[in-house]
N, C-alpha and C. Protein backbone atom coordinates (compact mmCIF):
# COMPACT_ATOMS: atom_id res chain seq x y z
N MET A 1 -6.94 9.58 -13.69
CA MET A 1 -6.54 8.61 -15.11
C MET A 1 -5.55 7.55 -14.51
N PRO A 2 -5.55 6.61 -13.54
CA PRO A 2 -4.38 5.53 -13.26
C PRO A 2 -4.29 4.88 -14.27
N ASN A 3 -2.55 4.92 -14.82
CA ASN A 3 -2.18 4.03 -15.69
C ASN A 3 -2.70 4.48 -17.00
N ASN A 4 -2.50 5.98 -17.06
CA ASN A 4 -2.68 6.40 -18.43
C ASN A 4 -1.60 6.81 -18.95
N GLY A 5 -0.77 5.92 -20.02
CA GLY A 5 0.29 6.15 -20.55
C GLY A 5 0.52 7.45 -21.30
N ALA A 6 -0.58 7.98 -21.42
CA ALA A 6 -0.44 9.47 -22.28
C ALA A 6 0.00 10.64 -21.17
N VAL A 7 -0.69 10.27 -19.81
CA VAL A 7 -0.30 11.33 -18.82
C VAL A 7 1.06 10.93 -17.99
N SER A 8 1.90 9.88 -17.81
CA SER A 8 2.60 9.69 -17.40
C SER A 8 4.06 10.36 -17.21
N SER A 9 4.87 10.13 -16.50
CA SER A 9 5.93 11.01 -16.91
C SER A 9 6.45 10.86 -15.11
N GLY A 10 8.20 10.94 -15.41
CA GLY A 10 8.74 10.87 -13.72
C GLY A 10 8.82 12.17 -13.09
N SER A 11 9.07 12.15 -12.03
CA SER A 11 8.98 13.47 -11.10
C SER A 11 10.10 14.37 -11.16
N ASN A 12 11.14 13.95 -11.97
CA ASN A 12 12.57 14.73 -12.41
C ASN A 12 13.06 15.32 -11.04
N LEU A 13 12.88 14.48 -9.93
CA LEU A 13 13.66 15.16 -8.84
C LEU A 13 14.94 14.26 -8.75
N GLY A 14 15.92 15.00 -8.51
CA GLY A 14 17.46 14.63 -8.71
C GLY A 14 17.58 14.00 -7.22
N PRO A 15 18.81 13.31 -7.05
CA PRO A 15 19.09 12.52 -5.81
C PRO A 15 19.03 13.35 -4.47
N LEU A 16 19.83 14.45 -4.66
CA LEU A 16 20.05 15.70 -3.98
C LEU A 16 18.69 16.19 -3.38
N ASN A 17 17.59 16.35 -4.05
CA ASN A 17 16.74 16.89 -3.94
C ASN A 17 15.80 16.54 -2.49
N PRO A 18 15.86 17.38 -1.44
CA PRO A 18 15.09 16.84 0.06
C PRO A 18 13.50 16.57 -0.25
N ALA A 19 12.83 16.78 -1.45
CA ALA A 19 11.45 16.27 -1.81
C ALA A 19 11.44 14.89 -2.12
N LEU A 20 12.90 14.15 -2.67
CA LEU A 20 12.65 12.96 -3.03
C LEU A 20 12.93 11.98 -1.93
N ALA A 21 14.05 12.45 -0.83
CA ALA A 21 14.16 11.70 0.09
C ALA A 21 13.22 12.03 0.90
N ALA A 22 12.05 12.97 1.41
CA ALA A 22 11.50 12.90 1.67
C ALA A 22 10.00 11.92 1.25
N ALA A 23 10.05 11.86 0.07
CA ALA A 23 8.93 10.84 -0.58
C ALA A 23 9.30 9.14 -0.19
N VAL A 24 11.06 9.46 -0.29
CA VAL A 24 11.12 7.60 -0.13
C VAL A 24 11.03 7.40 1.38
N GLU A 25 11.21 8.30 2.16
CA GLU A 25 10.97 7.94 3.54
C GLU A 25 9.53 7.85 3.91
N SER A 26 8.67 8.34 3.39
CA SER A 26 7.39 8.55 3.68
C SER A 26 7.00 6.97 3.10
N ARG A 27 7.49 6.74 2.00
CA ARG A 27 6.94 5.23 1.33
C ARG A 27 7.57 3.91 2.25
N VAL A 28 8.69 4.32 2.53
CA VAL A 28 9.29 3.31 3.74
C VAL A 28 8.52 3.28 4.67
N ALA A 29 7.87 4.12 5.69
CA ALA A 29 7.06 4.33 6.19
C ALA A 29 5.89 3.70 6.32
N ALA A 30 5.38 3.81 5.20
CA ALA A 30 3.73 3.06 4.91
C ALA A 30 4.08 2.01 4.64
N MET A 31 5.17 1.07 4.17
CA MET A 31 5.49 -0.38 4.03
C MET A 31 5.82 -1.13 5.40
N ARG A 32 6.30 0.01 6.15
CA ARG A 32 6.62 -0.38 8.04
C ARG A 32 5.07 -0.83 8.45
N ALA A 33 3.94 0.46 8.33
CA ALA A 33 3.03 0.73 9.01
C ALA A 33 2.00 -0.68 8.27
N ALA A 34 2.03 -1.21 7.11
CA ALA A 34 1.20 -2.38 6.44
C ALA A 34 2.00 -3.41 6.91
N ASP A 35 2.99 -3.72 7.49
CA ASP A 35 3.47 -5.01 8.09
C ASP A 35 4.79 -4.83 9.11
N PRO A 36 3.96 -4.09 10.28
CA PRO A 36 4.89 -3.66 11.28
C PRO A 36 6.03 -4.50 11.89
N GLY A 37 5.69 -6.09 11.63
CA GLY A 37 6.76 -6.96 12.57
C GLY A 37 7.86 -7.19 11.52
N ASP A 38 7.91 -6.64 10.22
CA ASP A 38 8.94 -7.08 9.57
C ASP A 38 9.97 -5.75 9.62
N THR A 39 10.98 -6.53 10.05
CA THR A 39 12.24 -5.23 10.20
C THR A 39 13.20 -5.46 9.30
N ARG A 40 13.08 -6.30 7.94
CA ARG A 40 14.23 -6.66 6.90
C ARG A 40 14.32 -5.03 6.00
N PRO A 41 15.12 -5.24 5.34
CA PRO A 41 15.47 -3.46 4.86
C PRO A 41 14.35 -3.62 3.50
N VAL A 42 14.07 -2.38 3.45
CA VAL A 42 12.84 -2.65 2.06
C VAL A 42 13.25 -2.59 1.06
N PRO A 43 13.15 -3.45 -0.04
CA PRO A 43 13.83 -3.33 -1.38
C PRO A 43 13.84 -1.99 -2.03
N VAL A 44 14.68 -1.34 -2.73
CA VAL A 44 14.45 -0.04 -3.02
C VAL A 44 13.55 0.14 -4.37
N ASP A 45 13.26 -0.51 -5.21
CA ASP A 45 12.10 -0.72 -6.07
C ASP A 45 10.69 -0.27 -5.44
N LEU A 46 10.49 -0.77 -4.18
CA LEU A 46 9.47 -0.57 -3.54
C LEU A 46 9.16 0.87 -2.78
N VAL A 47 10.02 1.48 -2.80
CA VAL A 47 9.71 2.96 -2.27
C VAL A 47 10.37 4.15 -3.36
N THR A 48 10.79 3.50 -4.49
CA THR A 48 11.18 4.51 -5.42
C THR A 48 10.31 4.49 -6.81
N ALA A 49 10.27 5.37 -7.67
CA ALA A 49 9.23 5.03 -8.91
C ALA A 49 10.14 5.22 -9.80
N SER A 50 9.65 4.33 -11.04
CA SER A 50 10.11 4.50 -12.40
C SER A 50 10.10 5.97 -13.31
N GLY A 51 10.50 5.78 -14.20
CA GLY A 51 10.26 6.93 -15.11
C GLY A 51 8.71 7.42 -15.50
N SER A 52 8.12 5.93 -15.67
CA SER A 52 6.64 6.58 -16.01
C SER A 52 5.46 6.23 -15.23
N GLY A 53 6.35 5.20 -14.05
CA GLY A 53 5.19 4.75 -13.07
C GLY A 53 4.15 3.83 -13.36
N LEU A 54 4.72 3.25 -14.88
CA LEU A 54 3.71 2.24 -15.25
C LEU A 54 4.41 0.84 -15.07
N ASP A 55 5.47 0.69 -15.06
CA ASP A 55 6.29 -0.48 -15.30
C ASP A 55 5.47 -1.91 -14.61
N PRO A 56 5.30 -2.99 -15.44
CA PRO A 56 4.50 -4.16 -14.84
C PRO A 56 5.40 -4.82 -13.65
N HIS A 57 6.34 -4.53 -13.80
CA HIS A 57 7.59 -5.54 -13.01
C HIS A 57 7.85 -5.18 -11.89
N ILE A 58 8.76 -5.67 -10.94
CA ILE A 58 9.17 -5.58 -9.85
C ILE A 58 10.16 -6.62 -9.63
N SER A 59 11.43 -6.04 -8.81
CA SER A 59 12.34 -7.19 -8.30
C SER A 59 11.89 -8.28 -7.56
N VAL A 60 12.49 -9.27 -7.88
CA VAL A 60 12.50 -10.51 -7.29
C VAL A 60 12.45 -10.38 -5.46
N ALA A 61 13.41 -9.34 -5.04
CA ALA A 61 13.63 -9.09 -3.78
C ALA A 61 12.26 -8.37 -3.05
N ALA A 62 11.85 -7.43 -4.17
CA ALA A 62 10.64 -6.80 -3.63
C ALA A 62 9.44 -7.80 -3.93
N ALA A 63 9.50 -9.01 -4.50
CA ALA A 63 8.30 -9.71 -4.43
C ALA A 63 8.71 -10.88 -3.13
N GLU A 64 9.56 -11.19 -3.01
CA GLU A 64 9.77 -11.91 -1.63
C GLU A 64 9.69 -10.96 -0.34
N PHE A 65 9.89 -10.06 -0.38
CA PHE A 65 9.66 -9.00 0.96
C PHE A 65 8.22 -9.01 1.14
N GLN A 66 7.30 -8.84 0.30
CA GLN A 66 5.72 -9.06 0.55
C GLN A 66 4.93 -10.35 0.66
N VAL A 67 5.91 -11.33 0.59
CA VAL A 67 5.15 -12.68 0.33
C VAL A 67 4.73 -13.05 1.97
N PRO A 68 5.07 -12.74 3.26
CA PRO A 68 4.24 -12.91 4.69
C PRO A 68 3.27 -12.18 4.32
N ARG A 69 3.08 -10.92 4.24
CA ARG A 69 2.03 -9.96 4.06
C ARG A 69 0.84 -10.38 3.07
N VAL A 70 1.27 -10.51 1.90
CA VAL A 70 0.12 -10.95 1.16
C VAL A 70 -0.19 -12.36 1.24
N ALA A 71 0.57 -13.50 1.81
CA ALA A 71 -0.28 -14.71 2.10
C ALA A 71 -1.06 -14.56 3.09
N ARG A 72 -0.72 -13.60 4.31
CA ARG A 72 -1.67 -13.32 5.30
C ARG A 72 -2.92 -12.60 4.90
N GLU A 73 -3.04 -11.82 3.81
CA GLU A 73 -3.70 -10.97 3.53
C GLU A 73 -4.87 -11.91 2.51
N ARG A 74 -4.42 -12.67 1.65
CA ARG A 74 -5.06 -13.52 1.05
C ARG A 74 -5.51 -14.82 1.60
N GLY A 75 -5.34 -14.99 2.60
CA GLY A 75 -5.56 -16.29 3.24
C GLY A 75 -4.78 -17.50 2.54
N LEU A 76 -3.73 -17.29 2.26
CA LEU A 76 -2.81 -18.32 1.71
C LEU A 76 -1.26 -18.60 2.53
N SER A 77 -0.76 -19.85 2.17
CA SER A 77 0.59 -20.03 2.98
C SER A 77 1.55 -19.24 1.99
N GLU A 78 2.30 -19.01 2.88
CA GLU A 78 3.64 -18.57 2.11
C GLU A 78 4.14 -19.21 0.86
N ALA A 79 4.20 -20.62 1.17
CA ALA A 79 4.61 -21.55 0.33
C ALA A 79 4.07 -21.19 -1.24
N GLN A 80 2.64 -21.05 -0.96
CA GLN A 80 1.72 -20.99 -2.16
C GLN A 80 1.97 -19.44 -2.93
N VAL A 81 2.09 -18.59 -2.02
CA VAL A 81 2.68 -17.19 -2.90
C VAL A 81 4.05 -17.35 -3.36
N ARG A 82 5.06 -17.85 -2.92
CA ARG A 82 6.17 -17.96 -3.58
C ARG A 82 6.41 -18.86 -4.66
N GLU A 83 5.19 -19.82 -4.68
CA GLU A 83 5.52 -20.70 -6.11
C GLU A 83 4.74 -19.71 -6.83
N GLN A 84 3.91 -19.12 -6.90
CA GLN A 84 3.54 -18.02 -7.52
C GLN A 84 4.38 -17.08 -8.04
N VAL A 85 5.25 -16.48 -7.05
CA VAL A 85 6.03 -15.52 -7.45
C VAL A 85 6.94 -16.31 -8.11
N ARG A 86 7.61 -17.50 -8.10
CA ARG A 86 8.61 -18.06 -8.88
C ARG A 86 7.95 -18.20 -10.35
N ALA A 87 6.61 -18.55 -10.39
CA ALA A 87 5.76 -18.68 -11.72
C ALA A 87 5.79 -17.32 -12.56
N ALA A 88 6.01 -16.55 -12.16
CA ALA A 88 5.45 -15.23 -12.81
C ALA A 88 7.01 -14.38 -12.74
N THR A 89 8.28 -14.95 -12.35
CA THR A 89 9.54 -14.62 -12.44
C THR A 89 10.00 -14.82 -13.58
N ALA A 90 10.69 -13.60 -14.87
CA ALA A 90 11.27 -13.83 -16.13
C ALA A 90 12.45 -13.57 -15.45
N GLY A 91 13.53 -14.57 -16.14
CA GLY A 91 14.95 -14.42 -16.19
C GLY A 91 15.46 -13.06 -17.06
N ARG A 92 16.56 -13.24 -16.97
CA ARG A 92 17.45 -12.34 -17.82
C ARG A 92 17.12 -11.95 -19.48
N THR A 93 16.84 -11.18 -19.79
CA THR A 93 16.70 -11.09 -21.37
C THR A 93 17.96 -11.55 -22.04
N LEU A 94 17.80 -12.68 -22.92
CA LEU A 94 18.53 -13.04 -23.52
C LEU A 94 19.68 -14.05 -22.85
N GLY A 95 19.40 -14.35 -21.21
CA GLY A 95 20.35 -15.09 -20.51
C GLY A 95 21.28 -13.88 -20.12
N ILE A 96 21.11 -12.75 -20.73
CA ILE A 96 22.64 -11.93 -20.09
C ILE A 96 22.22 -10.54 -19.50
N LEU A 97 21.03 -10.03 -20.18
CA LEU A 97 20.53 -8.42 -19.78
C LEU A 97 19.72 -8.37 -18.79
N GLY A 98 20.17 -7.39 -17.90
CA GLY A 98 19.20 -7.03 -16.93
C GLY A 98 19.10 -8.15 -16.01
N GLU A 99 17.86 -7.99 -14.76
CA GLU A 99 18.16 -9.00 -13.73
C GLU A 99 16.71 -9.72 -13.97
N PRO A 100 16.27 -10.60 -13.25
CA PRO A 100 15.38 -11.50 -13.19
C PRO A 100 14.06 -10.23 -12.26
N ARG A 101 12.79 -10.53 -13.05
CA ARG A 101 11.75 -9.56 -12.64
C ARG A 101 10.75 -10.59 -12.37
N VAL A 102 9.69 -9.99 -11.91
CA VAL A 102 8.29 -10.18 -11.30
C VAL A 102 7.14 -9.56 -11.83
N ASN A 103 6.50 -10.10 -12.91
CA ASN A 103 5.60 -9.35 -13.53
C ASN A 103 4.23 -9.70 -12.45
N VAL A 104 3.88 -8.27 -12.13
CA VAL A 104 3.08 -7.94 -11.01
C VAL A 104 1.36 -8.35 -11.29
N LEU A 105 1.13 -8.28 -12.69
CA LEU A 105 -0.22 -8.37 -13.26
C LEU A 105 -0.57 -10.00 -13.28
N GLU A 106 0.78 -10.80 -13.63
CA GLU A 106 0.53 -11.86 -13.74
C GLU A 106 0.45 -12.56 -12.30
N LEU A 107 1.27 -12.69 -11.64
CA LEU A 107 1.43 -12.79 -10.23
C LEU A 107 -0.25 -12.52 -9.71
N ASN A 108 -0.55 -11.35 -9.44
CA ASN A 108 -1.96 -11.06 -8.82
C ASN A 108 -2.90 -11.87 -9.67
N LEU A 109 -2.97 -12.32 -10.89
CA LEU A 109 -3.86 -13.27 -11.59
C LEU A 109 -3.86 -14.71 -11.02
N ALA A 110 -2.64 -14.86 -10.76
CA ALA A 110 -2.18 -16.15 -10.64
C ALA A 110 -3.08 -16.35 -8.71
N LEU A 111 -2.44 -15.32 -8.06
CA LEU A 111 -3.05 -15.40 -6.77
C LEU A 111 -4.52 -15.40 -6.41
N ASP A 112 -5.38 -14.78 -7.41
CA ASP A 112 -6.49 -14.73 -7.56
C ASP A 112 -7.02 -16.14 -7.94
N ALA A 113 -6.41 -16.81 -8.72
CA ALA A 113 -6.94 -18.19 -9.15
C ALA A 113 -6.65 -19.11 -8.14
N GLU A 114 -6.17 -18.75 -6.73
CA GLU A 114 -5.21 -19.63 -5.71
C GLU A 114 -6.87 -19.67 -5.00
N ARG A 115 -7.62 -18.85 -4.97
CA ARG A 115 -9.10 -18.78 -3.91
C ARG A 115 -9.79 -19.91 -4.23
């Protein structure tokens, strides 16, 4: 039941729980395996989960981190992908609340249209 809001929930693992640390380490390893040449720090939102796991947004840093790999996999230039990231980025709510964020669905649809 992927993306079924009726069955979504957080893990309830606290920051001192070894299972949470192991899950994050595993996710970092997966990100490194997907792009072995990239030695930059992995943005935290790429290796942690939201309360529901259904959030449509990632940080601008998380999107930027993935630009080289996404461009390579899609056969696009990094400039094309960065432009689509910029277009899918929303600013702070009311100009002051929260952080800028990238709508992943909008971004993927725009990247699909680039083909």
